[in-house]
Amino acid sequence: MTLLAGTDYDDELLFTACVLHDIGLSEEGNGDQRFEVDGADTAAAFLREHGVEERRIAIARDAIALHTSDGIAPRKGTVVALAQAGIGTDILGVRRESLPPGLADHVHALLRRQDLGYALSDALITQAKAKPHKASPLTFPGELLRRHLPYGAQPDWYDLLAAAGWGDKPVGATARRRAETPQQVGTLFMEYLEAGDIDGLLSLYEPNGPFVPAPGTHLVGTDAIRPALQQMIDSGSRLKLEPRDIRQVDDVALVTNTATLTRVGQEPVVSVTTGILRRRPDGGWVHVVDAPFSS
């Protein structure tokens, strides 16, 4: 469907909202709310000073406040939807193939990008580090901040559930005994491997943690780890872990074990394992990095 400027939407208001949508990252717009909301309030004040009627200000405020909100902005009217769609194209290249041929090149020749996406990210991180309350865990700024903090410093959804205080526990297939100490991670690994419990084994890993099952093999995330652990189960592998050293600092522990791996019809393989573990808010320990057979 083709939309006509001035008829189907307020093109001046759309332009204004797009120009001002990141003003929350400016010094003037840096308040104590999410940058999108600070930007919406700053833009509204600017428009009010210039005599824009409140009805139009409300639309611009929504367009700026919701420009990172997929699934919500498209339901808030044409200007809000178009602003969010255009900003998505500008930063993330969403539907860039629908732009007229040569348009982006022409615009960027006049207005250089100067690595806009990363410059924007740096500005967000600078704000969030100075004012962490502007980047709560379940927001876009919070997700960006998580990548620039020590691992586990910014809680994820499951961390928040564990810390909620209601005592909720995992249910169904995800319910597993938790390792109450770093040593118990190894104990449970041996038990789950012998039982052929692939989901139990995966419960001992952070969702995005790395696993080094053999020299030169580096797997990241439980989706990648699953086939390697399933292969151990299918081959009838058994593992004996004997603790060598545990160095714990608060909620992080470095653990080394002497590991003896046996497979049907093969000679045992003895190695020294190295793992970095962390204690989740619910008290359970899991692998952040697991290098069981790297030497």
Protein backbone atom coordinates (compact mmCIF):
# COMPACT_ATOMS: atom_id res chain seq x y z
CA MET A 1 0.00 0.00 0.00
CA THR A 2 1.29 3.44 -0.96
CA LEU A 3 0.92 6.19 1.64
CA LEU A 4 0.64 9.82 0.63
CA ALA A 5 2.54 12.42 2.63
CA GLY A 6 0.26 15.08 4.06
CA THR A 7 -2.79 12.92 3.44
CA ASP A 8 -2.14 9.55 5.07
CA TYR A 9 0.39 10.85 7.57
CA ASP A 10 1.90 14.07 8.89
CA ASP A 11 5.20 14.19 7.00
CA GLU A 12 6.54 17.19 8.93
CA LEU A 13 5.89 15.42 12.22
CA LEU A 14 7.47 12.22 10.91
CA PHE A 15 10.59 14.13 9.85
CA THR A 16 10.78 15.88 13.22
CA ALA A 17 10.43 12.63 15.18
CA CYS A 18 13.13 10.94 13.08
CA VAL A 19 15.54 13.85 13.47
CA LEU A 20 15.04 13.99 17.24
CA HIS A 21 14.65 10.29 18.00
CA ASP A 22 18.09 9.91 19.65
CA ILE A 23 18.16 13.25 21.44
CA GLY A 24 18.02 11.31 24.69
CA LEU A 25 21.71 10.53 24.09
CA SER A 26 22.61 14.22 24.11
CA GLU A 27 23.85 16.01 27.22
CA GLU A 28 20.61 18.00 27.40
CA GLY A 29 18.48 14.88 27.01
CA ASN A 30 20.38 12.68 29.46
CA GLY A 31 17.94 12.37 32.34
CA ASP A 32 17.18 9.45 34.64
CA GLN A 33 14.92 7.38 32.37
CA ARG A 34 15.59 5.06 29.47
CA PHE A 35 17.23 7.06 26.70
CA GLU A 36 14.16 6.61 24.49
CA VAL A 37 11.86 8.11 27.14
CA ASP A 38 14.29 10.89 28.02
CA GLY A 39 14.48 11.67 24.31
CA ALA A 40 10.69 11.70 23.98
CA ASP A 41 10.34 14.15 26.88
CA THR A 42 13.14 16.38 25.59
CA ALA A 43 11.65 16.46 22.10
CA ALA A 44 8.18 17.20 23.50
CA ALA A 45 9.54 20.17 25.45
CA PHE A 46 11.27 21.46 22.31
CA LEU A 47 8.12 21.17 20.21
CA ARG A 48 6.02 22.80 22.90
CA GLU A 49 8.42 25.76 23.00
CA HIS A 50 7.86 26.17 19.27
CA GLY A 51 4.10 26.22 19.51
CA VAL A 52 3.29 22.73 18.26
CA GLU A 53 -0.15 21.60 19.36
CA GLU A 54 -0.37 18.95 22.08
CA ARG A 55 -2.05 16.37 19.83
CA ARG A 56 0.94 16.36 17.50
CA ILE A 57 3.42 16.46 20.37
CA ALA A 58 1.85 13.30 21.79
CA ILE A 59 2.39 11.49 18.48
CA ALA A 60 6.03 12.61 18.28
CA ARG A 61 6.59 11.55 21.88
CA ASP A 62 5.24 8.06 21.13
CA ALA A 63 7.35 7.79 17.98
CA ILE A 64 10.54 8.56 19.90
CA ALA A 65 9.73 6.61 23.06
CA LEU A 66 8.79 3.49 21.06
CA HIS A 67 11.38 3.55 18.30
CA THR A 68 13.18 0.47 19.72
CA SER A 69 9.93 -1.37 20.52
CA ASP A 70 9.26 -4.01 17.88
CA GLY A 71 5.65 -5.14 17.79
CA ILE A 72 4.34 -2.10 19.70
CA ALA A 73 5.21 0.89 17.53
CA PRO A 74 3.31 -0.47 14.48
CA ARG A 75 0.10 -0.44 16.56
CA LYS A 76 0.41 3.20 17.61
CA GLY A 77 -0.47 4.98 14.39
CA THR A 78 1.11 5.69 11.02
CA VAL A 79 3.72 8.25 12.08
CA VAL A 80 4.92 6.10 14.96
CA ALA A 81 5.05 2.99 12.77
CA LEU A 82 6.87 4.74 9.92
CA ALA A 83 9.41 6.31 12.27
CA GLN A 84 10.24 2.95 13.85
CA ALA A 85 10.48 1.26 10.45
CA GLY A 86 12.75 3.96 9.04
CA ILE A 87 15.03 3.99 12.08
CA GLY A 88 15.29 0.20 11.84
CA THR A 89 16.42 0.54 8.23
CA ASP A 90 18.92 3.27 9.08
CA ILE A 91 20.61 1.41 11.94
CA LEU A 92 20.07 -2.31 11.30
CA GLY A 93 19.38 -2.36 7.56
CA VAL A 94 15.87 -3.75 8.07
CA ARG A 95 14.23 -4.01 4.61
CA ARG A 96 17.00 -1.94 3.04
CA GLU A 97 16.39 -3.83 -0.19
CA SER A 98 13.07 -1.97 -0.51
CA LEU A 99 14.81 1.43 -0.81
CA PRO A 100 14.94 2.98 -4.29
CA PRO A 101 18.21 2.06 -6.05
CA GLY A 102 20.97 4.54 -5.31
CA LEU A 103 19.04 6.45 -2.63
CA ALA A 104 21.20 5.30 0.30
CA ASP A 105 24.42 6.03 -1.59
CA HIS A 106 23.19 9.51 -2.44
CA VAL A 107 22.18 10.24 1.16
CA HIS A 108 25.45 8.92 2.58
CA ALA A 109 27.45 11.02 0.12
CA LEU A 110 25.73 14.11 1.54
CA LEU A 111 25.55 12.96 5.16
CA ARG A 112 28.41 10.59 6.01
CA ARG A 113 27.43 7.74 8.33
CA GLN A 114 30.68 7.87 10.34
CA ASP A 115 30.04 4.37 11.65
CA LEU A 116 26.67 5.44 13.01
CA GLY A 117 25.59 2.11 14.48
CA TYR A 118 28.71 1.70 16.59
CA ALA A 119 28.89 5.38 17.52
CA LEU A 120 25.30 5.11 18.77
CA SER A 121 26.17 1.97 20.73
CA ASP A 122 29.15 3.69 22.37
CA ALA A 123 26.97 6.62 23.42
CA LEU A 124 24.43 4.24 24.95
CA ILE A 125 27.12 2.35 26.86
CA THR A 126 28.65 5.59 28.16
CA GLN A 127 25.27 6.68 29.52
CA ALA A 128 24.40 3.27 30.95
CA LYS A 129 27.71 2.82 32.76
CA ALA A 130 27.30 6.23 34.40
CA LYS A 131 23.62 5.63 35.20
CA PRO A 132 22.88 1.88 35.27
CA HIS A 133 19.22 2.49 36.16
CA LYS A 134 18.79 3.81 32.60
CA ALA A 135 19.55 0.30 31.29
CA SER A 136 17.48 -2.20 33.25
CA PRO A 137 18.14 -5.86 32.30
CA LEU A 138 15.09 -6.48 30.11
CA THR A 139 15.56 -3.44 27.87
CA PHE A 140 17.55 -2.86 24.69
CA PRO A 141 20.05 -0.62 26.54
CA GLY A 142 20.29 -3.27 29.26
CA GLU A 143 21.06 -6.01 26.74
CA LEU A 144 23.74 -3.81 25.19
CA LEU A 145 25.22 -2.98 28.59
CA ARG A 146 25.41 -6.70 29.48
CA ARG A 147 28.00 -7.24 26.75
CA HIS A 148 30.29 -4.63 28.30
CA LEU A 149 30.20 -5.76 31.93
CA PRO A 150 31.92 -8.68 33.65
CA TYR A 151 30.12 -11.91 32.89
CA GLY A 152 27.08 -12.32 35.13
CA ALA A 153 27.15 -8.72 36.41
CA GLN A 154 23.97 -7.86 34.50
CA PRO A 155 21.24 -10.42 35.34
CA ASP A 156 19.20 -12.10 32.64
CA TRP A 157 15.56 -13.20 32.81
CA TYR A 158 16.27 -16.41 34.71
CA ASP A 159 18.54 -14.62 37.15
CA LEU A 160 15.71 -12.20 37.90
CA LEU A 161 13.29 -15.07 38.46
CA ALA A 162 15.73 -16.73 40.83
CA ALA A 163 16.17 -13.51 42.80
CA ALA A 164 12.46 -12.62 42.92
CA GLY A 165 12.03 -14.07 46.39
CA TRP A 166 8.96 -16.19 45.62
CA GLY A 167 10.85 -19.46 45.59
CA ASP A 168 9.77 -20.45 42.06
CA LYS A 169 11.67 -23.45 40.72
CA PRO A 170 12.11 -24.79 37.18
CA VAL A 171 9.33 -27.16 36.17
CA GLY A 172 8.87 -29.93 33.63
CA ALA A 173 11.84 -31.06 31.59
CA THR A 174 14.01 -28.16 32.79
CA ALA A 175 13.75 -29.11 36.48
CA ARG A 176 17.07 -30.48 37.68
CA ARG A 177 19.05 -30.69 40.89
CA ARG A 178 21.31 -27.72 41.20
CA ALA A 179 24.98 -27.90 42.17
CA GLU A 180 25.22 -26.28 45.59
CA THR A 181 29.04 -26.10 45.43
CA PRO A 182 31.60 -25.90 42.60
CA GLN A 183 32.61 -29.51 43.38
CA GLN A 184 29.06 -30.73 42.81
CA VAL A 185 29.09 -29.57 39.19
CA GLY A 186 31.52 -32.37 38.40
CA THR A 187 29.55 -34.87 40.47
CA LEU A 188 26.33 -34.08 38.66
CA PHE A 189 28.07 -34.18 35.28
CA MET A 190 29.22 -37.75 35.98
CA GLU A 191 25.73 -38.76 37.12
CA TYR A 192 23.92 -37.21 34.16
CA LEU A 193 26.40 -38.69 31.67
CA GLU A 194 25.96 -42.19 33.09
CA ALA A 195 22.16 -41.75 33.04
CA GLY A 196 22.22 -40.51 29.44
CA ASP A 197 20.43 -37.33 30.55
CA ILE A 198 21.34 -34.76 27.90
CA ASP A 199 19.10 -32.05 29.36
CA GLY A 200 20.67 -32.63 32.77
CA LEU A 201 24.14 -32.16 31.28
CA LEU A 202 23.08 -28.97 29.49
CA SER A 203 21.62 -27.60 32.73
CA LEU A 204 25.20 -27.40 34.04
CA TYR A 205 26.16 -24.79 31.41
CA GLU A 206 25.44 -21.13 30.90
CA PRO A 207 23.34 -20.75 27.72
CA ASN A 208 26.11 -18.90 25.86
CA GLY A 209 29.16 -20.48 27.49
CA PRO A 210 32.04 -22.07 25.54
CA PHE A 211 32.90 -25.78 25.65
CA VAL A 212 36.21 -27.28 24.47
CA PRO A 213 35.64 -31.05 24.13
CA ALA A 214 38.96 -31.59 22.31
CA PRO A 215 42.01 -29.56 21.26
CA GLY A 216 41.04 -27.23 18.43
CA THR A 217 37.29 -27.73 18.96
CA HIS A 218 35.58 -24.68 20.42
CA LEU A 219 31.80 -24.78 20.81
CA VAL A 220 29.75 -21.82 22.05
CA GLY A 221 26.22 -22.04 23.43
CA THR A 222 24.06 -24.97 24.45
CA ASP A 223 22.74 -25.49 20.91
CA ALA A 224 26.30 -26.18 19.74
CA ILE A 225 27.26 -28.11 22.87
CA ARG A 226 24.28 -30.48 22.74
CA PRO A 227 25.52 -32.66 19.82
CA ALA A 228 28.97 -33.07 21.41
CA LEU A 229 27.48 -34.18 24.73
CA GLN A 230 24.97 -36.43 22.94
CA GLN A 231 27.87 -38.08 21.12
CA MET A 232 29.49 -38.83 24.48
CA ILE A 233 26.23 -40.43 25.65
CA ASP A 234 25.76 -42.43 22.44
CA SER A 235 29.33 -43.76 22.57
CA GLY A 236 28.79 -45.10 26.07
CA SER A 237 31.34 -42.73 27.56
CA ARG A 238 31.92 -42.66 31.28
CA LEU A 239 33.83 -39.94 33.10
CA LYS A 240 35.60 -39.95 36.43
CA LEU A 241 36.50 -36.51 37.79
CA GLU A 242 38.92 -36.20 40.69
CA PRO A 243 39.30 -32.63 42.04
CA ARG A 244 42.82 -31.18 41.83
CA ASP A 245 42.31 -27.54 42.78
CA ILE A 246 39.47 -25.09 43.38
CA ARG A 247 40.06 -21.34 43.56
CA GLN A 248 36.87 -19.50 44.52
CA VAL A 249 36.34 -15.73 44.70
CA ASP A 250 32.80 -14.81 45.72
CA ASP A 251 30.50 -16.17 42.98
CA VAL A 252 33.22 -17.29 40.57
CA ALA A 253 35.42 -20.39 40.83
CA LEU A 254 38.31 -21.83 38.80
CA VAL A 255 38.22 -25.62 39.02
CA THR A 256 40.71 -28.20 37.76
CA ASN A 257 40.17 -31.95 37.82
CA THR A 258 41.97 -35.08 36.80
CA ALA A 259 39.57 -36.63 34.29
CA THR A 260 39.53 -40.25 33.19
CA LEU A 261 37.34 -40.79 30.13
CA THR A 262 36.45 -44.33 29.12
CA ARG A 263 34.65 -45.51 25.99
CA VAL A 264 33.58 -48.97 24.96
CA GLY A 265 36.45 -50.80 23.28
CA GLN A 266 38.98 -47.99 23.78
CA GLU A 267 41.79 -47.29 26.20
CA PRO A 268 41.00 -44.76 28.96
CA VAL A 269 42.04 -41.17 28.26
CA VAL A 270 43.41 -39.21 31.21
CA SER A 271 43.56 -35.42 31.08
CA VAL A 272 43.45 -32.33 33.26
CA THR A 273 40.21 -30.39 32.94
CA THR A 274 39.82 -26.68 33.51
CA GLY A 275 36.52 -24.95 34.14
CA ILE A 276 35.31 -21.53 35.18
CA LEU A 277 32.08 -21.72 37.18
CA ARG A 278 29.70 -19.11 38.52
CA ARG A 279 27.02 -19.18 41.16
CA ARG A 280 23.65 -18.04 39.90
CA PRO A 281 21.27 -15.98 42.07
CA ASP A 282 19.38 -19.19 42.98
CA GLY A 283 22.59 -20.57 44.51
CA GLY A 284 23.29 -23.16 41.81
CA TRP A 285 26.73 -23.40 40.19
CA VAL A 286 27.17 -23.80 36.42
CA HIS A 287 29.93 -23.78 33.82
CA VAL A 288 30.80 -20.44 32.26
CA VAL A 289 33.80 -21.99 30.44
CA ASP A 290 34.41 -25.74 30.24
CA ALA A 291 37.65 -27.11 28.74
CA PRO A 292 37.56 -30.75 29.80
CA PHE A 293 39.93 -32.36 27.31
CA SER A 294 42.16 -29.53 26.12
CA SER A 295 45.39 -31.15 27.24
